[in-house]
């Protein structure tokens, strides 16, 4: 069997690698128009700095990537972000990502209010999400990452916070990347709580189990940075956790209604 794979980026290389392992007797030919393999992943050294021209990290809960790294014998080269801090360069200055933010989404009031990265009009626009309704998804129940967060948090938050963080993971146009394929739990949280600000604030206590960094859990004072490491849930585990959380909330509401009914009956 002869197989041709077009494109020598991460997807094409991975397909060729696993297909070769599964079918060692097949002839696999990979074509790439660029003079190098790797696609959007490209690293350059400028003076004493290592500069990533494409994605610079991946989410630990995407276990397929970790599996690939170990399959290639590169497990000991994985580096986790232990600082819990990232900065964004804007208009000649370096600004820390607001404390308590998860993938750029604010979950705490005061750190976001004090943040120097976002202007006051930008902060006000993001805060208005508290009163917004869920985004109208397409017929497939999907939307691009860019349009989703632009609707909820505004253009300035998109340009200065959301896009820099997510571009470091995906290295593509976030207005063309599917939210359902990348961060389906954001849709779940939004649909469950009504909007992103309410949802992220309400779900913050569970985020330590959903794969966010120490910063989001409060161990570090500043903004959240995606990181790989132990104790990180997969997307499937997150969905299971959210289902249990919803059931627990329903049980609590039922108990409260029962208590209220008993009080009313006793009073009468």
Protein backbone atom coordinates (compact mmCIF):
# COMPACT_ATOMS: atom_id res chain seq x y z
CA UNK A 1 0.00 0.00 0.00
CA UNK A 2 1.27 3.45 -0.98
CA UNK A 3 0.11 6.44 1.12
CA UNK A 4 0.75 10.12 0.44
CA UNK A 5 0.53 12.75 3.20
CA UNK A 6 0.45 16.39 2.14
CA UNK A 7 1.90 18.83 4.65
CA UNK A 8 4.89 18.47 6.95
CA UNK A 9 3.53 20.35 9.92
CA UNK A 10 2.82 18.75 13.28
CA UNK A 11 -0.36 17.06 12.00
CA UNK A 12 1.28 15.59 8.91
CA UNK A 13 4.38 14.43 10.76
CA UNK A 14 2.31 12.85 13.51
CA UNK A 15 0.07 11.08 11.00
CA UNK A 16 3.11 9.70 9.18
CA UNK A 17 4.72 8.57 12.44
CA UNK A 18 1.72 6.67 13.84
CA UNK A 19 0.71 5.29 10.46
CA UNK A 20 4.24 3.98 10.00
CA UNK A 21 4.09 2.26 13.37
CA UNK A 22 0.67 0.75 12.68
CA UNK A 23 1.48 -0.33 9.10
CA UNK A 24 5.24 -0.89 8.88
CA UNK A 25 4.92 -2.62 5.49
CA UNK A 26 3.24 0.40 3.87
CA UNK A 27 5.15 2.97 1.79
CA UNK A 28 4.46 6.44 3.19
CA UNK A 29 5.47 9.58 1.32
CA UNK A 30 5.18 13.01 2.93
CA UNK A 31 5.24 16.21 0.87
CA UNK A 32 6.03 19.68 2.22
CA UNK A 33 6.37 22.79 0.05
CA UNK A 34 8.47 24.73 2.57
CA UNK A 35 12.24 24.13 2.86
CA UNK A 36 11.74 22.84 6.41
CA UNK A 37 9.37 20.60 8.34
CA UNK A 38 7.43 21.67 11.39
CA UNK A 39 4.81 23.99 9.93
CA UNK A 40 3.99 26.85 12.27
CA UNK A 41 6.33 25.53 14.96
CA UNK A 42 9.60 27.42 14.56
CA UNK A 43 12.23 28.53 17.06
CA UNK A 44 14.91 31.16 16.65
CA UNK A 45 17.66 32.38 18.97
CA UNK A 46 18.07 36.15 19.11
CA UNK A 47 21.04 37.25 21.22
CA UNK A 48 20.50 35.42 24.53
CA UNK A 49 16.78 34.84 24.00
CA UNK A 50 14.86 31.85 22.67
CA UNK A 51 12.03 33.19 20.50
CA UNK A 52 9.11 31.02 19.44
CA UNK A 53 7.65 32.20 16.12
CA UNK A 54 4.62 29.93 16.48
CA UNK A 55 3.01 28.08 19.38
CA UNK A 56 5.24 27.92 22.45
CA UNK A 57 3.31 25.52 24.69
CA UNK A 58 0.43 23.10 24.90
CA UNK A 59 -2.25 22.26 27.44
CA UNK A 60 -1.42 19.33 29.67
CA UNK A 61 -4.97 18.03 29.58
CA UNK A 62 -4.54 17.39 25.85
CA UNK A 63 -2.95 14.06 26.69
CA UNK A 64 -2.43 13.05 23.06
CA UNK A 65 0.43 15.55 22.83
CA UNK A 66 2.09 14.23 25.98
CA UNK A 67 1.73 10.68 24.65
CA UNK A 68 3.44 11.71 21.41
CA UNK A 69 6.32 13.37 23.26
CA UNK A 70 6.96 10.23 25.30
CA UNK A 71 6.55 7.97 22.27
CA UNK A 72 9.33 9.95 20.61
CA UNK A 73 11.57 9.49 23.64
CA UNK A 74 11.48 13.19 24.51
CA UNK A 75 9.62 12.98 27.81
CA UNK A 76 12.61 14.21 29.80
CA UNK A 77 12.69 17.42 27.74
CA UNK A 78 9.23 18.62 28.83
CA UNK A 79 9.40 21.89 30.76
CA UNK A 80 6.58 23.05 33.03
CA UNK A 81 6.04 26.70 33.83
CA UNK A 82 6.88 26.90 37.52
CA UNK A 83 6.73 30.69 37.81
CA UNK A 84 2.97 30.96 37.36
CA UNK A 85 3.51 34.33 35.71
CA UNK A 86 3.37 35.62 32.15
CA UNK A 87 3.66 39.12 30.73
CA UNK A 88 2.27 40.89 27.68
CA UNK A 89 4.28 43.56 25.87
CA UNK A 90 2.04 46.46 24.86
CA UNK A 91 2.87 50.01 23.76
CA UNK A 92 6.45 49.93 24.95
CA UNK A 93 5.77 48.38 28.36
CA UNK A 94 5.59 44.90 29.87
CA UNK A 95 2.38 44.19 31.79
CA UNK A 96 1.67 41.17 34.03
CA UNK A 97 -1.38 39.14 33.20
CA UNK A 98 -4.08 39.99 35.79
CA UNK A 99 -4.09 37.71 38.80
CA UNK A 100 -6.84 35.12 38.98
CA UNK A 101 -7.36 35.09 35.22
CA UNK A 102 -7.88 31.72 33.57
CA UNK A 103 -6.78 31.66 29.94
CA UNK A 104 -7.15 35.45 30.10
CA UNK A 105 -10.68 35.38 31.51
CA UNK A 106 -11.01 37.36 34.76
CA UNK A 107 -12.40 35.50 37.78
CA UNK A 108 -11.44 37.98 40.52
CA UNK A 109 -12.55 41.60 40.70
CA UNK A 110 -9.68 43.50 42.33
CA UNK A 111 -6.73 42.02 40.37
CA UNK A 112 -8.59 42.78 37.14
CA UNK A 113 -9.47 46.33 38.23
CA UNK A 114 -5.82 47.01 39.13
CA UNK A 115 -4.43 45.48 35.92
CA UNK A 116 -2.33 47.91 33.87
CA UNK A 117 -2.71 45.98 30.62
CA UNK A 118 -6.40 46.77 30.03
CA UNK A 119 -7.79 50.33 29.81
CA UNK A 120 -10.79 51.41 31.87
CA UNK A 121 -13.12 51.31 28.84
CA UNK A 122 -11.83 47.82 28.12
CA UNK A 123 -12.44 46.72 31.71
CA UNK A 124 -15.96 48.16 31.64
CA UNK A 125 -16.73 46.37 28.38
CA UNK A 126 -15.51 43.06 29.82
CA UNK A 127 -17.59 43.60 32.97
CA UNK A 128 -20.73 44.05 30.89
CA UNK A 129 -20.54 40.36 30.06
CA UNK A 130 -22.12 39.78 33.46
CA UNK A 131 -25.39 40.89 31.87
CA UNK A 132 -24.99 39.14 28.52
CA UNK A 133 -26.81 36.07 27.27
CA UNK A 134 -25.08 32.99 25.83
CA UNK A 135 -23.62 33.31 22.34
CA UNK A 136 -25.87 32.10 19.51
CA UNK A 137 -23.97 29.06 18.24
CA UNK A 138 -24.15 27.76 14.67
CA UNK A 139 -26.13 24.69 13.62
CA UNK A 140 -23.26 22.46 14.74
CA UNK A 141 -23.20 24.03 18.20
CA UNK A 142 -19.88 25.70 17.46
CA UNK A 143 -18.24 29.12 17.06
CA UNK A 144 -14.69 30.38 16.56
CA UNK A 145 -12.58 31.14 19.62
CA UNK A 146 -12.20 34.74 18.49
CA UNK A 147 -15.86 35.54 17.89
CA UNK A 148 -16.91 33.85 21.14
CA UNK A 149 -14.59 35.83 23.40
CA UNK A 150 -14.99 39.06 21.42
CA UNK A 151 -18.74 38.82 22.06
CA UNK A 152 -18.30 38.19 25.76
CA UNK A 153 -15.27 40.29 26.73
CA UNK A 154 -14.79 42.87 23.96
CA UNK A 155 -12.12 43.65 21.38
CA UNK A 156 -9.48 45.05 23.73
CA UNK A 157 -9.52 41.95 25.91
CA UNK A 158 -9.27 39.86 22.76
CA UNK A 159 -6.31 41.80 21.36
CA UNK A 160 -4.30 42.23 24.55
CA UNK A 161 -5.04 39.16 26.64
CA UNK A 162 -7.01 36.30 25.07
CA UNK A 163 -5.28 36.24 21.69
CA UNK A 164 -1.68 36.41 23.02
CA UNK A 165 -2.33 33.50 25.38
CA UNK A 166 -4.15 31.27 22.90
CA UNK A 167 -1.79 32.09 20.03
CA UNK A 168 0.97 30.66 22.20
CA UNK A 169 -0.84 27.34 22.12
CA UNK A 170 -2.33 27.16 18.63
CA UNK A 171 -0.27 29.61 16.58
CA UNK A 172 -3.14 30.30 14.16
CA UNK A 173 -5.97 32.70 13.43
CA UNK A 174 -8.27 32.33 16.47
CA UNK A 175 -11.17 33.67 14.38
CA UNK A 176 -10.89 30.49 12.32
CA UNK A 177 -10.24 27.97 15.11
CA UNK A 178 -13.19 25.99 16.45
CA UNK A 179 -14.05 26.55 20.11
CA UNK A 180 -15.86 23.20 20.26
CA UNK A 181 -12.72 21.38 19.12
CA UNK A 182 -10.32 23.22 21.41
CA UNK A 183 -12.10 24.46 24.56
CA UNK A 184 -15.51 22.75 24.66
CA UNK A 185 -15.75 23.33 28.42
CA UNK A 186 -16.04 27.10 27.83
CA UNK A 187 -19.27 26.47 25.93
CA UNK A 188 -20.47 24.20 28.75
CA UNK A 189 -19.69 26.83 31.40
CA UNK A 190 -21.34 29.62 29.39
CA UNK A 191 -24.50 27.59 28.74
CA UNK A 192 -24.68 26.50 32.36
CA UNK A 193 -24.24 29.91 34.01
CA UNK A 194 -25.48 32.30 31.30
CA UNK A 195 -22.22 34.05 30.40
CA UNK A 196 -18.47 33.69 30.80
CA UNK A 197 -17.86 36.02 33.75
CA UNK A 198 -20.53 34.39 35.90
CA UNK A 199 -19.48 30.96 34.77
CA UNK A 200 -15.77 31.35 35.41
CA UNK A 201 -16.35 32.96 38.80
CA UNK A 202 -18.77 30.20 39.82
CA UNK A 203 -16.58 27.40 38.50
CA UNK A 204 -13.28 28.76 39.83
CA UNK A 205 -13.20 26.40 42.78
CA UNK A 206 -13.17 23.45 40.41
CA UNK A 207 -10.50 24.78 38.08
CA UNK A 208 -7.63 23.25 40.01
CA UNK A 209 -9.03 19.91 38.83
CA UNK A 210 -9.66 21.16 35.30
CA UNK A 211 -6.05 21.76 34.34
CA UNK A 212 -5.15 25.36 35.18
CA UNK A 213 -1.95 26.56 36.77
CA UNK A 214 -1.10 27.38 40.35
CA UNK A 215 -1.78 31.04 39.66
CA UNK A 216 -5.46 30.41 39.08
CA UNK A 217 -5.64 28.49 42.34
CA UNK A 218 -4.28 31.46 44.26
CA UNK A 219 -0.85 30.03 45.11
CA UNK A 220 0.76 32.68 42.92
CA UNK A 221 -0.23 36.32 43.03
CA UNK A 222 -0.36 37.01 39.31
CA UNK A 223 -2.00 35.71 36.13
CA UNK A 224 -2.58 32.20 34.99
CA UNK A 225 -0.19 30.51 32.59
CA UNK A 226 -1.06 27.28 30.78
CA UNK A 227 1.25 24.52 31.93
CA UNK A 228 1.84 20.80 31.64
CA UNK A 229 2.33 18.56 34.63
CA UNK A 230 0.77 16.06 36.98
CA UNK A 231 -2.71 16.37 38.42
CA UNK A 232 -4.22 17.80 35.24
CA UNK A 233 -7.59 16.58 34.05
CA UNK A 234 -8.33 15.55 30.49
CA UNK A 235 -11.29 17.11 28.64
CA UNK A 236 -13.35 13.97 29.28
CA UNK A 237 -12.56 14.07 32.99
CA UNK A 238 -13.50 17.75 33.08
CA UNK A 239 -16.89 16.99 31.54
CA UNK A 240 -17.45 14.28 34.15
CA UNK A 241 -16.46 16.73 36.90
CA UNK A 242 -18.90 19.33 35.57
CA UNK A 243 -21.71 16.76 35.46
CA UNK A 244 -21.08 15.80 39.10
CA UNK A 245 -20.93 19.48 40.04
CA UNK A 246 -24.30 20.13 38.37
CA UNK A 247 -25.87 17.17 40.20
CA UNK A 248 -24.45 18.36 43.53
CA UNK A 249 -25.91 21.82 42.96
CA UNK A 250 -29.29 20.32 42.07
CA UNK A 251 -29.21 18.19 45.24
CA UNK A 252 -28.36 21.24 47.34
CA UNK A 253 -31.20 23.23 45.76
CA UNK A 254 -33.60 20.37 46.49
CA UNK A 255 -32.53 20.24 50.13
CA UNK A 256 -32.98 24.00 50.44
CA UNK A 257 -36.49 23.79 48.97
CA UNK A 258 -37.33 20.97 51.39
CA UNK A 259 -36.03 22.98 54.34
CA UNK A 260 -38.02 26.02 53.26
CA UNK A 261 -41.17 23.93 52.90
CA UNK A 262 -40.69 22.50 56.41
CA UNK A 263 -40.28 26.00 57.83
CA UNK A 264 -43.45 27.18 56.09
CA UNK A 265 -45.39 24.17 57.34
CA UNK A 266 -44.10 24.70 60.89
CA UNK A 267 -45.03 28.37 60.81
CA UNK A 268 -48.54 27.58 59.65
